[in-house]
Amino acid sequence: MTIRSANVDFFAAASDQAAILQFLFDATDVRVFESHSEFDQELREFRSVAEVQAVFRLGEDPRGQGNAILLKLWSPSAMRELQIEKFAVDPSKCRGHTFRHNINGGALMRLYFGGVSGKTITKSSFGHQSQTRAATWGVDGGIDWTGLQQVSGKIAYHMRSRLAVAKAKSRVVMPEAMELAKAGYALKEFAHSTWQYDLEPIQRQSSKKS
């Protein structure tokens, strides 16, 4: 079976994002890295919510673009080798800096946090690429696609079925974001978008006792 891409788009504020990270650290085997290092620095790995909070302001999206915090998730269940690479940058365009590091691999999962920007909450997202796309780009080597599907499915299920308390079209809304939306904050893809989502209830199926 070919593994398709996984994706969960959602709205989350600070405590919501912390809850997602806590689940990753407590209930999965993923390791959490920044997507790209700072200039002339090693790539940072985060081993707790506190370590993420020491670097980033969870729940805030100052530029309003939905990409305030860019994280990559590596799971040994999905990909055998951890690939961190150093790459050169043009010092004439990067204030004299010469290199950065990033993490590569076809089975990496992305976790991109938006957050509060003024009176708007911008979209966040979780996901990974499909097996077909990875093969097209030649980055499908050394990947356990069943393992990736299991770990990404566990994360997606937790976000959609346990953490989400409302929805906005196909996006799910986490608890603090919902309370802010009820208080008048707009749910948008980007802060400067002229269109916003309406908050909708989630229709959950109740289990019947036999």
C-alpha atoms as a PDB file:
ATOM      1  CA  MET A   1       0.000   0.000   0.000  1.00  0.00           C
ATOM      2  CA  THR A   2       1.350   3.411  -0.967  1.00  0.00           C
ATOM      3  CA  ILE A   3       1.415   5.861   1.926  1.00  0.00           C
ATOM      4  CA  ARG A   4      -0.281   9.176   1.223  1.00  0.00           C
ATOM      5  CA  SER A   5       0.714  12.490   2.741  1.00  0.00           C
ATOM      6  CA  ALA A   6      -0.671  13.245   6.179  1.00  0.00           C
ATOM      7  CA  ASN A   7      -1.891  16.704   7.046  1.00  0.00           C
ATOM      8  CA  VAL A   8      -3.734  18.377   9.908  1.00  0.00           C
ATOM      9  CA  ASP A   9      -4.398  22.095   9.643  1.00  0.00           C
ATOM     10  CA  PHE A  10      -5.432  23.644  12.930  1.00  0.00           C
ATOM     11  CA  PHE A  11      -5.767  26.772  15.015  1.00  0.00           C
ATOM     12  CA  ALA A  12      -3.825  26.818  18.285  1.00  0.00           C
ATOM     13  CA  ALA A  13      -2.749  29.337  20.903  1.00  0.00           C
ATOM     14  CA  ALA A  14       0.064  29.010  23.457  1.00  0.00           C
ATOM     15  CA  SER A  15      -1.355  26.333  25.774  1.00  0.00           C
ATOM     16  CA  ASP A  16      -2.644  24.349  22.783  1.00  0.00           C
ATOM     17  CA  GLN A  17       0.786  24.276  21.166  1.00  0.00           C
ATOM     18  CA  ALA A  18       2.368  23.275  24.466  1.00  0.00           C
ATOM     19  CA  ALA A  19      -0.117  20.395  24.756  1.00  0.00           C
ATOM     20  CA  ILE A  20       0.778  19.132  21.291  1.00  0.00           C
ATOM     21  CA  LEU A  21       4.484  19.229  22.082  1.00  0.00           C
ATOM     22  CA  GLN A  22       3.943  17.518  25.435  1.00  0.00           C
ATOM     23  CA  PHE A  23       2.190  14.656  23.673  1.00  0.00           C
ATOM     24  CA  LEU A  24       5.097  14.280  21.258  1.00  0.00           C
ATOM     25  CA  PHE A  25       7.607  14.065  24.091  1.00  0.00           C
ATOM     26  CA  ASP A  26       5.490  11.810  26.322  1.00  0.00           C
ATOM     27  CA  ALA A  27       3.711   9.453  23.942  1.00  0.00           C
ATOM     28  CA  THR A  28       5.781   9.098  20.749  1.00  0.00           C
ATOM     29  CA  ASP A  29       9.351   8.288  19.764  1.00  0.00           C
ATOM     30  CA  VAL A  30       9.822  11.452  17.692  1.00  0.00           C
ATOM     31  CA  ARG A  31      12.710  13.809  18.221  1.00  0.00           C
ATOM     32  CA  VAL A  32      11.959  17.487  17.746  1.00  0.00           C
ATOM     33  CA  PHE A  33      14.329  19.799  15.841  1.00  0.00           C
ATOM     34  CA  GLU A  34      14.192  23.313  14.470  1.00  0.00           C
ATOM     35  CA  SER A  35      13.750  23.191  10.702  1.00  0.00           C
ATOM     36  CA  HIS A  36      16.855  25.313  10.033  1.00  0.00           C
ATOM     37  CA  SER A  37      19.560  26.503  12.378  1.00  0.00           C
ATOM     38  CA  GLU A  38      20.412  30.100  13.038  1.00  0.00           C
ATOM     39  CA  PHE A  39      23.244  31.468  10.914  1.00  0.00           C
ATOM     40  CA  ASP A  40      26.660  29.998  11.810  1.00  0.00           C
ATOM     41  CA  GLN A  41      25.080  27.745  14.466  1.00  0.00           C
ATOM     42  CA  GLU A  42      24.423  24.049  14.988  1.00  0.00           C
ATOM     43  CA  LEU A  43      20.893  22.719  14.576  1.00  0.00           C
ATOM     44  CA  ARG A  44      18.995  22.708  17.863  1.00  0.00           C
ATOM     45  CA  GLU A  45      17.120  19.691  19.187  1.00  0.00           C
ATOM     46  CA  PHE A  46      14.412  20.198  21.798  1.00  0.00           C
ATOM     47  CA  ARG A  47      13.859  17.544  24.457  1.00  0.00           C
ATOM     48  CA  SER A  48      11.035  19.180  26.420  1.00  0.00           C
ATOM     49  CA  VAL A  49       8.353  21.830  26.138  1.00  0.00           C
ATOM     50  CA  ALA A  50      10.466  24.060  28.383  1.00  0.00           C
ATOM     51  CA  GLU A  51      13.366  23.880  25.928  1.00  0.00           C
ATOM     52  CA  VAL A  52      11.090  24.959  23.078  1.00  0.00           C
ATOM     53  CA  GLN A  53       9.714  27.798  25.212  1.00  0.00           C
ATOM     54  CA  ALA A  54      13.242  28.955  25.996  1.00  0.00           C
ATOM     55  CA  VAL A  55      13.771  29.662  22.287  1.00  0.00           C
ATOM     56  CA  PHE A  56      10.312  30.448  20.902  1.00  0.00           C
ATOM     57  CA  ARG A  57       7.250  32.295  22.182  1.00  0.00           C
ATOM     58  CA  LEU A  58       4.588  29.640  21.811  1.00  0.00           C
ATOM     59  CA  GLY A  59       1.251  30.861  20.551  1.00  0.00           C
ATOM     60  CA  GLU A  60       2.548  34.091  19.020  1.00  0.00           C
ATOM     61  CA  ASP A  61       2.861  34.885  15.314  1.00  0.00           C
ATOM     62  CA  PRO A  62       4.257  38.447  15.128  1.00  0.00           C
ATOM     63  CA  ARG A  63       4.429  38.552  11.324  1.00  0.00           C
ATOM     64  CA  GLY A  64       1.038  36.907  10.927  1.00  0.00           C
ATOM     65  CA  GLN A  65       2.176  34.490   8.218  1.00  0.00           C
ATOM     66  CA  GLY A  66       1.382  31.178   9.903  1.00  0.00           C
ATOM     67  CA  ASN A  67       5.016  30.134  10.156  1.00  0.00           C
ATOM     68  CA  ALA A  68       6.258  31.684  13.383  1.00  0.00           C
ATOM     69  CA  ILE A  69       7.806  28.396  14.598  1.00  0.00           C
ATOM     70  CA  LEU A  70       9.080  25.795  12.115  1.00  0.00           C
ATOM     71  CA  LEU A  71       9.837  22.377  13.591  1.00  0.00           C
ATOM     72  CA  LYS A  72      10.774  19.042  12.034  1.00  0.00           C
ATOM     73  CA  LEU A  73      10.013  15.709  13.641  1.00  0.00           C
ATOM     74  CA  TRP A  74      12.240  12.664  13.114  1.00  0.00           C
ATOM     75  CA  SER A  75      11.074   9.214  14.174  1.00  0.00           C
ATOM     76  CA  PRO A  76      13.383   6.187  14.265  1.00  0.00           C
ATOM     77  CA  SER A  77      10.266   4.117  13.599  1.00  0.00           C
ATOM     78  CA  ALA A  78      10.051   5.747  10.175  1.00  0.00           C
ATOM     79  CA  MET A  79      13.606   6.568   9.126  1.00  0.00           C
ATOM     80  CA  ARG A  80      16.768   4.777  10.202  1.00  0.00           C
ATOM     81  CA  GLU A  81      19.276   7.596   9.808  1.00  0.00           C
ATOM     82  CA  LEU A  82      19.184  11.106  11.209  1.00  0.00           C
ATOM     83  CA  GLN A  83      20.501  13.413   8.486  1.00  0.00           C
ATOM     84  CA  ILE A  84      21.688  16.830   9.625  1.00  0.00           C
ATOM     85  CA  GLU A  85      23.519  18.769   6.947  1.00  0.00           C
ATOM     86  CA  LYS A  86      25.601  21.934   6.871  1.00  0.00           C
ATOM     87  CA  PHE A  87      25.065  24.211   3.885  1.00  0.00           C
ATOM     88  CA  ALA A  88      26.728  27.405   2.742  1.00  0.00           C
ATOM     89  CA  VAL A  89      24.996  30.769   2.519  1.00  0.00           C
ATOM     90  CA  ASP A  90      26.120  33.879   0.687  1.00  0.00           C
ATOM     91  CA  PRO A  91      27.763  36.205   3.241  1.00  0.00           C
ATOM     92  CA  SER A  92      27.025  39.210   1.030  1.00  0.00           C
ATOM     93  CA  LYS A  93      23.307  38.514   1.437  1.00  0.00           C
ATOM     94  CA  CYS A  94      23.392  37.190   5.004  1.00  0.00           C
ATOM     95  CA  ARG A  95      25.186  39.919   6.944  1.00  0.00           C
ATOM     96  CA  GLY A  96      28.538  38.158   6.775  1.00  0.00           C
ATOM     97  CA  HIS A  97      27.288  34.718   7.839  1.00  0.00           C
ATOM     98  CA  THR A  98      28.578  31.722   5.921  1.00  0.00           C
ATOM     99  CA  PHE A  99      26.588  28.624   6.866  1.00  0.00           C
ATOM    100  CA  ARG A 100      23.504  27.089   8.427  1.00  0.00           C
ATOM    101  CA  HIS A 101      22.350  23.539   9.252  1.00  0.00           C
ATOM    102  CA  ASN A 102      19.119  21.769   8.412  1.00  0.00           C
ATOM    103  CA  ILE A 103      17.599  18.338   8.799  1.00  0.00           C
ATOM    104  CA  ASN A 104      16.775  16.264   5.716  1.00  0.00           C
ATOM    105  CA  GLY A 105      14.883  13.108   4.862  1.00  0.00           C
ATOM    106  CA  GLY A 106      11.813  11.879   3.035  1.00  0.00           C
ATOM    107  CA  ALA A 107      10.083  10.674   6.218  1.00  0.00           C
ATOM    108  CA  LEU A 108      10.410  13.852   8.250  1.00  0.00           C
ATOM    109  CA  MET A 109       7.219  15.270   9.673  1.00  0.00           C
ATOM    110  CA  ARG A 110       6.682  19.020   9.845  1.00  0.00           C
ATOM    111  CA  LEU A 111       5.066  20.947  12.667  1.00  0.00           C
ATOM    112  CA  TYR A 112       4.579  24.601  11.778  1.00  0.00           C
ATOM    113  CA  PHE A 113       2.997  26.860  14.360  1.00  0.00           C
ATOM    114  CA  GLY A 114       1.103  30.060  13.634  1.00  0.00           C
ATOM    115  CA  GLY A 115      -0.665  31.736  16.510  1.00  0.00           C
ATOM    116  CA  VAL A 116      -1.937  35.052  17.776  1.00  0.00           C
ATOM    117  CA  SER A 117      -1.219  38.093  15.622  1.00  0.00           C
ATOM    118  CA  GLY A 118      -3.095  41.133  16.871  1.00  0.00           C
ATOM    119  CA  LYS A 119      -6.750  40.079  17.010  1.00  0.00           C
ATOM    120  CA  THR A 120      -6.177  37.150  14.644  1.00  0.00           C
ATOM    121  CA  ILE A 121      -5.127  33.524  15.126  1.00  0.00           C
ATOM    122  CA  THR A 122      -3.216  32.212  12.116  1.00  0.00           C
ATOM    123  CA  LYS A 123      -3.252  28.627  10.915  1.00  0.00           C
ATOM    124  CA  SER A 124      -0.807  25.978  12.138  1.00  0.00           C
ATOM    125  CA  SER A 125      -0.118  22.666  10.386  1.00  0.00           C
ATOM    126  CA  PHE A 126       1.236  19.155  10.879  1.00  0.00           C
ATOM    127  CA  GLY A 127       2.056  16.660   8.153  1.00  0.00           C
ATOM    128  CA  HIS A 128       4.531  14.828   5.959  1.00  0.00           C
ATOM    129  CA  GLN A 129       4.964  14.114   2.283  1.00  0.00           C
ATOM    130  CA  SER A 130       3.607  11.084   0.460  1.00  0.00           C
ATOM    131  CA  GLN A 131       5.558   8.000  -0.550  1.00  0.00           C
ATOM    132  CA  THR A 132       4.991   8.875  -4.211  1.00  0.00           C
ATOM    133  CA  ARG A 133       6.334  12.393  -3.806  1.00  0.00           C
ATOM    134  CA  ALA A 134       9.363  11.159  -1.871  1.00  0.00           C
ATOM    135  CA  ALA A 135      10.128   8.701  -4.678  1.00  0.00           C
ATOM    136  CA  THR A 136       9.734  11.439  -7.276  1.00  0.00           C
ATOM    137  CA  TRP A 137      12.284  13.571  -5.460  1.00  0.00           C
ATOM    138  CA  GLY A 138      14.590  10.614  -4.820  1.00  0.00           C
ATOM    139  CA  VAL A 139      14.393  10.858  -1.017  1.00  0.00           C
ATOM    140  CA  ASP A 140      12.535   7.616  -0.308  1.00  0.00           C
ATOM    141  CA  GLY A 141      15.528   5.505   0.691  1.00  0.00           C
ATOM    142  CA  GLY A 142      15.742   3.938   4.141  1.00  0.00           C
ATOM    143  CA  ILE A 143      12.132   4.727   5.037  1.00  0.00           C
ATOM    144  CA  ASP A 144       9.716   2.433   6.846  1.00  0.00           C
ATOM    145  CA  TRP A 145       6.487   3.823   5.406  1.00  0.00           C
ATOM    146  CA  THR A 146       4.302   1.677   7.631  1.00  0.00           C
ATOM    147  CA  GLY A 147       6.179   2.975  10.660  1.00  0.00           C
ATOM    148  CA  LEU A 148       5.725   6.549   9.447  1.00  0.00           C
ATOM    149  CA  GLN A 149       2.017   6.021   8.925  1.00  0.00           C
ATOM    150  CA  GLN A 150       1.655   4.612  12.435  1.00  0.00           C
ATOM    151  CA  VAL A 151       3.447   7.436  14.222  1.00  0.00           C
ATOM    152  CA  SER A 152       1.954  10.249  12.124  1.00  0.00           C
ATOM    153  CA  GLY A 153      -1.490   8.687  12.427  1.00  0.00           C
ATOM    154  CA  LYS A 154      -1.135   8.574  16.207  1.00  0.00           C
ATOM    155  CA  ILE A 155      -0.243  12.263  16.287  1.00  0.00           C
ATOM    156  CA  ALA A 156      -2.994  13.268  13.870  1.00  0.00           C
ATOM    157  CA  TYR A 157      -5.597  11.235  15.788  1.00  0.00           C
ATOM    158  CA  HIS A 158      -4.603  12.861  19.082  1.00  0.00           C
ATOM    159  CA  MET A 159      -4.892  16.318  17.568  1.00  0.00           C
ATOM    160  CA  ARG A 160      -8.209  15.731  15.807  1.00  0.00           C
ATOM    161  CA  SER A 161      -9.978  13.474  18.291  1.00  0.00           C
ATOM    162  CA  ARG A 162      -8.578  14.399  21.701  1.00  0.00           C
ATOM    163  CA  LEU A 163      -7.302  17.972  21.593  1.00  0.00           C
ATOM    164  CA  ALA A 164      -9.687  19.596  19.116  1.00  0.00           C
ATOM    165  CA  VAL A 165     -12.857  21.090  20.576  1.00  0.00           C
ATOM    166  CA  ALA A 166     -14.238  22.870  17.511  1.00  0.00           C
ATOM    167  CA  LYS A 167     -13.608  23.163  13.788  1.00  0.00           C
ATOM    168  CA  ALA A 168     -13.326  25.798  11.090  1.00  0.00           C
ATOM    169  CA  LYS A 169     -14.215  24.110   7.793  1.00  0.00           C
ATOM    170  CA  SER A 170     -11.589  21.348   7.445  1.00  0.00           C
ATOM    171  CA  ARG A 171      -9.340  22.883  10.125  1.00  0.00           C
ATOM    172  CA  VAL A 172      -9.644  21.877  13.769  1.00  0.00           C
ATOM    173  CA  VAL A 173      -9.588  24.354  16.637  1.00  0.00           C
ATOM    174  CA  MET A 174      -7.833  23.739  19.951  1.00  0.00           C
ATOM    175  CA  PRO A 175      -9.256  24.831  23.350  1.00  0.00           C
ATOM    176  CA  GLU A 176      -7.451  28.137  23.968  1.00  0.00           C
ATOM    177  CA  ALA A 177      -7.851  29.156  20.333  1.00  0.00           C
ATOM    178  CA  MET A 178     -11.580  28.437  20.600  1.00  0.00           C
ATOM    179  CA  GLU A 179     -11.916  30.641  23.680  1.00  0.00           C
ATOM    180  CA  LEU A 180     -10.079  33.456  21.902  1.00  0.00           C
ATOM    181  CA  ALA A 181     -12.311  33.031  18.851  1.00  0.00           C
ATOM    182  CA  LYS A 182     -15.370  33.283  21.056  1.00  0.00           C
ATOM    183  CA  ALA A 183     -13.891  36.490  22.491  1.00  0.00           C
ATOM    184  CA  GLY A 184     -13.646  38.041  19.029  1.00  0.00           C
ATOM    185  CA  TYR A 185     -10.350  36.853  17.570  1.00  0.00           C
ATOM    186  CA  ALA A 186     -10.514  35.987  13.859  1.00  0.00           C
ATOM    187  CA  LEU A 187      -9.421  32.586  12.555  1.00  0.00           C
ATOM    188  CA  LYS A 188      -7.439  33.133   9.348  1.00  0.00           C
ATOM    189  CA  GLU A 189      -4.834  31.499   7.158  1.00  0.00           C
ATOM    190  CA  PHE A 190      -2.768  34.679   7.398  1.00  0.00           C
ATOM    191  CA  ALA A 191      -3.303  37.820   9.467  1.00  0.00           C
ATOM    192  CA  HIS A 192      -3.752  40.067   6.434  1.00  0.00           C
ATOM    193  CA  SER A 193      -6.271  37.812   4.712  1.00  0.00           C
ATOM    194  CA  THR A 194      -9.618  39.449   4.032  1.00  0.00           C
ATOM    195  CA  TRP A 195     -11.417  36.150   4.658  1.00  0.00           C
ATOM    196  CA  GLN A 196     -11.874  34.378   7.964  1.00  0.00           C
ATOM    197  CA  TYR A 197     -13.295  31.080   9.171  1.00  0.00           C
ATOM    198  CA  ASP A 198     -16.450  30.633  11.201  1.00  0.00           C
ATOM    199  CA  LEU A 199     -16.209  28.612  14.381  1.00  0.00           C
ATOM    200  CA  GLU A 200     -18.215  25.387  14.137  1.00  0.00           C
ATOM    201  CA  PRO A 201     -18.989  22.609  16.623  1.00  0.00           C
ATOM    202  CA  ILE A 202     -17.494  19.162  16.208  1.00  0.00           C
ATOM    203  CA  GLN A 203     -20.047  16.411  15.721  1.00  0.00           C
ATOM    204  CA  ARG A 204     -18.659  13.409  17.584  1.00  0.00           C
ATOM    205  CA  GLN A 205     -20.241   9.983  17.381  1.00  0.00           C
ATOM    206  CA  SER A 206     -21.311   8.726  20.766  1.00  0.00           C
ATOM    207  CA  SER A 207     -20.649   5.087  21.554  1.00  0.00           C
ATOM    208  CA  LYS A 208     -23.762   3.019  22.338  1.00  0.00           C
ATOM    209  CA  LYS A 209     -23.740   0.651  25.264  1.00  0.00           C
ATOM    210  CA  SER A 210     -24.885  -2.862  24.457  1.00  0.00           C
END
